[in-house]
Structures are given as C-alpha cells and as structure tokens.
C-alpha atoms as a PDB file:
ATOM      1  CA  MET A   1       0.000   0.000   0.000  1.00  0.00           C
ATOM      2  CA  THR A   2       1.253   3.468  -0.901  1.00  0.00           C
ATOM      3  CA  PRO A   3       0.121   5.988   1.703  1.00  0.00           C
ATOM      4  CA  ILE A   4      -1.417   9.135   0.266  1.00  0.00           C
ATOM      5  CA  ALA A   5       0.838  11.168   2.574  1.00  0.00           C
ATOM      6  CA  ASP A   6       3.990   9.580   1.152  1.00  0.00           C
ATOM      7  CA  TYR A   7       2.970  10.057  -2.467  1.00  0.00           C
ATOM      8  CA  LEU A   8       1.867  13.685  -2.131  1.00  0.00           C
ATOM      9  CA  THR A   9       4.743  14.677   0.161  1.00  0.00           C
ATOM     10  CA  GLU A  10       7.182  13.374  -2.467  1.00  0.00           C
ATOM     11  CA  ASP A  11       5.257  15.396  -5.038  1.00  0.00           C
ATOM     12  CA  HIS A  12       5.694  18.506  -2.864  1.00  0.00           C
ATOM     13  CA  GLN A  13       9.445  17.882  -2.766  1.00  0.00           C
ATOM     14  CA  HIS A  14       9.576  17.507  -6.554  1.00  0.00           C
ATOM     15  CA  CYS A  15       7.772  20.842  -6.981  1.00  0.00           C
ATOM     16  CA  ASP A  16      10.062  22.489  -4.412  1.00  0.00           C
ATOM     17  CA  ASP A  17      13.141  21.312  -6.300  1.00  0.00           C
ATOM     18  CA  LEU A  18      11.812  22.709  -9.579  1.00  0.00           C
ATOM     19  CA  PHE A  19      10.941  25.992  -7.843  1.00  0.00           C
ATOM     20  CA  ALA A  20      14.501  26.350  -6.525  1.00  0.00           C
ATOM     21  CA  ASP A  21      15.931  25.631  -9.987  1.00  0.00           C
ATOM     22  CA  ALA A  22      13.803  28.396 -11.532  1.00  0.00           C
ATOM     23  CA  GLU A  23      14.665  30.869  -8.791  1.00  0.00           C
ATOM     24  CA  ASN A  24      18.387  30.142  -9.125  1.00  0.00           C
ATOM     25  CA  ALA A  25      18.234  30.675 -12.876  1.00  0.00           C
ATOM     26  CA  VAL A  26      16.450  34.024 -12.423  1.00  0.00           C
ATOM     27  CA  GLY A  27      19.003  35.033  -9.790  1.00  0.00           C
ATOM     28  CA  GLY A  28      21.762  34.261 -12.294  1.00  0.00           C
ATOM     29  CA  ARG A  29      19.904  36.152 -15.043  1.00  0.00           C
ATOM     30  CA  ASP A  30      19.905  32.997 -17.178  1.00  0.00           C
ATOM     31  CA  TRP A  31      16.555  33.844 -18.728  1.00  0.00           C
ATOM     32  CA  ASP A  32      16.229  30.910 -21.136  1.00  0.00           C
ATOM     33  CA  THR A  33      16.905  28.400 -18.370  1.00  0.00           C
ATOM     34  CA  ALA A  34      14.676  30.365 -16.011  1.00  0.00           C
ATOM     35  CA  GLN A  35      11.800  30.160 -18.485  1.00  0.00           C
ATOM     36  CA  THR A  36      12.203  26.410 -18.947  1.00  0.00           C
ATOM     37  CA  ARG A  37      12.600  25.701 -15.233  1.00  0.00           C
ATOM     38  CA  PHE A  38       9.655  27.915 -14.302  1.00  0.00           C
ATOM     39  CA  GLN A  39       7.431  26.213 -16.866  1.00  0.00           C
ATOM     40  CA  ASP A  40       8.454  22.827 -15.427  1.00  0.00           C
ATOM     41  CA  PHE A  41       7.676  24.071 -11.915  1.00  0.00           C
ATOM     42  CA  GLN A  42       4.353  25.597 -12.907  1.00  0.00           C
ATOM     43  CA  ARG A  43       3.271  22.472 -14.789  1.00  0.00           C
ATOM     44  CA  ALA A  44       4.190  20.223 -11.840  1.00  0.00           C
ATOM     45  CA  THR A  45       2.488  22.499  -9.321  1.00  0.00           C
ATOM     46  CA  LEU A  46      -0.731  22.780 -11.301  1.00  0.00           C
ATOM     47  CA  ALA A  47      -0.754  18.995 -11.766  1.00  0.00           C
ATOM     48  CA  HIS A  48      -0.293  18.600  -8.000  1.00  0.00           C
ATOM     49  CA  PHE A  49      -3.253  20.923  -7.367  1.00  0.00           C
ATOM     50  CA  ALA A  50      -5.330  18.944  -9.876  1.00  0.00           C
ATOM     51  CA  ARG A  51      -4.435  15.646  -8.174  1.00  0.00           C
ATOM     52  CA  GLU A  52      -5.770  17.014  -4.932  1.00  0.00           C
ATOM     53  CA  GLU A  53      -8.782  18.899  -6.288  1.00  0.00           C
ATOM     54  CA  GLU A  54      -9.960  16.215  -8.727  1.00  0.00           C
ATOM     55  CA  VAL A  55      -9.102  13.043  -6.816  1.00  0.00           C
ATOM     56  CA  LEU A  56      -8.132  13.437  -3.163  1.00  0.00           C
ATOM     57  CA  PHE A  57     -10.439  16.196  -1.954  1.00  0.00           C
ATOM     58  CA  PRO A  58     -13.665  14.724  -3.366  1.00  0.00           C
ATOM     59  CA  ALA A  59     -12.797  11.288  -1.949  1.00  0.00           C
ATOM     60  CA  PHE A  60     -11.902  12.789   1.444  1.00  0.00           C
ATOM     61  CA  GLU A  61     -15.105  14.848   1.533  1.00  0.00           C
ATOM     62  CA  ALA A  62     -17.234  11.849   0.583  1.00  0.00           C
ATOM     63  CA  ALA A  63     -15.613   9.654   3.224  1.00  0.00           C
ATOM     64  CA  THR A  64     -15.697  12.205   6.055  1.00  0.00           C
ATOM     65  CA  GLY A  65     -18.606  14.483   5.196  1.00  0.00           C
ATOM     66  CA  MET A  66     -16.281  17.476   5.750  1.00  0.00           C
ATOM     67  CA  ALA A  67     -16.868  19.551   2.623  1.00  0.00           C
ATOM     68  CA  GLY A  68     -16.366  22.863   4.421  1.00  0.00           C
ATOM     69  CA  GLY A  69     -13.302  21.897   6.406  1.00  0.00           C
ATOM     70  CA  PRO A  70      -9.652  21.460   5.516  1.00  0.00           C
ATOM     71  CA  THR A  71     -10.243  20.898   1.799  1.00  0.00           C
ATOM     72  CA  GLN A  72     -12.033  24.234   1.507  1.00  0.00           C
ATOM     73  CA  VAL A  73      -9.020  25.974   3.066  1.00  0.00           C
ATOM     74  CA  MET A  74      -6.624  24.138   0.730  1.00  0.00           C
ATOM     75  CA  ARG A  75      -8.672  25.093  -2.344  1.00  0.00           C
ATOM     76  CA  ALA A  76      -8.641  28.760  -1.298  1.00  0.00           C
ATOM     77  CA  GLU A  77      -4.880  28.623  -0.873  1.00  0.00           C
ATOM     78  CA  HIS A  78      -4.533  26.999  -4.307  1.00  0.00           C
ATOM     79  CA  VAL A  79      -6.387  30.008  -5.776  1.00  0.00           C
ATOM     80  CA  GLN A  80      -3.964  32.374  -4.055  1.00  0.00           C
ATOM     81  CA  MET A  81      -0.945  30.413  -5.294  1.00  0.00           C
ATOM     82  CA  ARG A  82      -2.325  30.271  -8.853  1.00  0.00           C
ATOM     83  CA  GLN A  83      -2.521  34.071  -8.843  1.00  0.00           C
ATOM     84  CA  THR A  84       1.063  34.306  -7.644  1.00  0.00           C
ATOM     85  CA  LEU A  85       2.097  31.901 -10.414  1.00  0.00           C
ATOM     86  CA  ALA A  86       0.403  34.208 -12.939  1.00  0.00           C
ATOM     87  CA  ASP A  87       2.256  37.188 -11.468  1.00  0.00           C
ATOM     88  CA  LEU A  88       5.549  35.264 -11.654  1.00  0.00           C
ATOM     89  CA  THR A  89       4.833  34.409 -15.301  1.00  0.00           C
ATOM     90  CA  SER A  90       4.371  38.096 -16.043  1.00  0.00           C
ATOM     91  CA  ALA A  91       7.565  39.107 -14.227  1.00  0.00           C
ATOM     92  CA  LEU A  92       9.499  36.410 -16.055  1.00  0.00           C
ATOM     93  CA  ALA A  93       8.147  37.547 -19.431  1.00  0.00           C
ATOM     94  CA  ARG A  94       9.405  41.068 -18.631  1.00  0.00           C
ATOM     95  CA  ARG A  95      12.716  39.619 -17.392  1.00  0.00           C
ATOM     96  CA  ASP A  96      12.195  41.548 -14.180  1.00  0.00           C
ATOM     97  CA  ALA A  97      14.379  39.666 -11.717  1.00  0.00           C
ATOM     98  CA  GLN A  98      13.621  41.988  -8.798  1.00  0.00           C
ATOM     99  CA  VAL A  99       9.858  41.521  -9.064  1.00  0.00           C
ATOM    100  CA  TYR A 100      10.206  37.805  -9.792  1.00  0.00           C
ATOM    101  CA  LEU A 101      12.437  37.206  -6.777  1.00  0.00           C
ATOM    102  CA  GLY A 102      10.119  39.210  -4.521  1.00  0.00           C
ATOM    103  CA  LEU A 103       7.125  37.221  -5.693  1.00  0.00           C
ATOM    104  CA  SER A 104       9.055  33.979  -5.337  1.00  0.00           C
ATOM    105  CA  GLU A 105       9.663  34.812  -1.656  1.00  0.00           C
ATOM    106  CA  THR A 106       5.925  35.290  -1.239  1.00  0.00           C
ATOM    107  CA  LEU A 107       5.162  32.028  -3.009  1.00  0.00           C
ATOM    108  CA  LEU A 108       7.769  30.173  -0.997  1.00  0.00           C
ATOM    109  CA  MET A 109       6.138  31.313   2.238  1.00  0.00           C
ATOM    110  CA  LEU A 110       2.677  30.356   0.949  1.00  0.00           C
ATOM    111  CA  MET A 111       3.891  26.937  -0.195  1.00  0.00           C
ATOM    112  CA  ARG A 112       5.699  26.172   3.061  1.00  0.00           C
ATOM    113  CA  GLN A 113       2.660  27.020   5.176  1.00  0.00           C
ATOM    114  CA  HIS A 114       0.295  25.213   2.820  1.00  0.00           C
ATOM    115  CA  ASN A 115       2.438  22.094   2.523  1.00  0.00           C
ATOM    116  CA  MET A 116       2.920  21.904   6.277  1.00  0.00           C
ATOM    117  CA  LYS A 117      -0.858  21.927   6.827  1.00  0.00           C
ATOM    118  CA  GLU A 118      -1.339  19.241   4.223  1.00  0.00           C
ATOM    119  CA  GLU A 119       1.557  17.050   5.356  1.00  0.00           C
ATOM    120  CA  GLN A 120       0.819  17.315   9.077  1.00  0.00           C
ATOM    121  CA  ILE A 121      -2.981  17.414   9.056  1.00  0.00           C
ATOM    122  CA  LEU A 122      -4.832  16.677   5.808  1.00  0.00           C
ATOM    123  CA  TYR A 123      -2.724  13.852   4.405  1.00  0.00           C
ATOM    124  CA  PRO A 124      -2.644  11.825   7.641  1.00  0.00           C
ATOM    125  CA  MET A 125      -6.415  12.356   8.001  1.00  0.00           C
ATOM    126  CA  SER A 126      -6.825  11.188   4.399  1.00  0.00           C
ATOM    127  CA  ASP A 127      -4.747   8.061   4.977  1.00  0.00           C
ATOM    128  CA  ARG A 128      -6.961   7.169   7.951  1.00  0.00           C
ATOM    129  CA  ALA A 129     -10.297   8.017   6.305  1.00  0.00           C
ATOM    130  CA  LEU A 130      -9.414   6.433   2.967  1.00  0.00           C
ATOM    131  CA  ALA A 131      -7.272   3.478   4.096  1.00  0.00           C
ATOM    132  CA  ALA A 132      -9.208   0.961   2.011  1.00  0.00           C
ATOM    133  CA  GLU A 133      -8.874   3.133  -1.106  1.00  0.00           C
ATOM    134  CA  CYS A 134      -5.302   4.433  -0.823  1.00  0.00           C
ATOM    135  CA  ASP A 135      -3.788   2.357  -3.631  1.00  0.00           C
ATOM    136  CA  GLU A 136      -6.602   3.150  -6.036  1.00  0.00           C
ATOM    137  CA  LEU A 137      -6.528   6.865  -5.204  1.00  0.00           C
ATOM    138  CA  VAL A 138      -2.742   7.129  -5.529  1.00  0.00           C
ATOM    139  CA  ASP A 139      -3.020   5.295  -8.855  1.00  0.00           C
ATOM    140  CA  ARG A 140      -5.623   7.802 -10.056  1.00  0.00           C
ATOM    141  CA  MET A 141      -3.513  10.749  -8.879  1.00  0.00           C
ATOM    142  CA  ARG A 142      -0.469   9.402 -10.743  1.00  0.00           C
ATOM    143  CA  ARG A 143      -2.495   9.564 -13.964  1.00  0.00           C
ATOM    144  CA  VAL A 144      -3.296  13.281 -13.536  1.00  0.00           C
ATOM    145  CA  LYS A 145      -0.818  15.274 -15.598  1.00  0.00           C
END
C-alpha cells in the first residue's frame, strides 16, 4: 500500500526542487533556463493541485462528510498560489528579476505554510479516512498530468 501522505509529500518535494531551480536561474539572469525551469515548476504544481482537487479532496469529503473543512481551506490557498504563479509568469516575461524574486519569496512562504498543513494534518487524516482506497486513489492521482 502506498500511503497518500507519502505520495503527495514526495510530489511537494519535486515541486520544491523545480521551484529552486527556476529561482536560481532568475538570480543568475539565465533567462532561457529560467523560463524552462519555471514552466516545469508551474506544470508540476498545477498537476499537484489537480491531483488534490480532482481526486483526493472529493474522496476525502465523501468519506468524512467534511466539505467545508480542511479541503475548503486548501482550495482557497490553491487560488492564491495560482494568482502568484500568474504574477511570476508576467515578471518572467518582462525579465524583471527583482519583481520575480520578490514574488518567489511570497510564493515560498505560501507553499511552506500550505504544505505543512497538508503534510501534518490533511494527508494523515486522508490516509486514515481512505485506508481501504489508498492504492486506487494514488493510482488515479499518478495519472493526472
């Protein structure tokens, strides 16, 4: 059995690594690499959000009856992070390292707080509530690109 927490925590780490690569490239003013790395990061992050929003959250809500609880908070934070991603895209297109790096600090703080809540609260709750379905749910999340 693959715990949901293990799978999604590893996915967080993958996104974090891509984020750092993009930020380093911007810091070095390597704009072509920055563009590629940011696109990789954005694609991975949006896929991660989709895995949660399309697979995990509905299953968790159905199993627990908590539609207005932790998943609602996570969705709201996803909206906030999507907006920051759009702002980062704009700064990158303008090759504005100062704005990009400022926004990346904001996003880093948002991601750290968000991921901590998921990894310490939501994912363990999901593993308990969805124990009989973990393998099937992780399989479905792996297919979301």
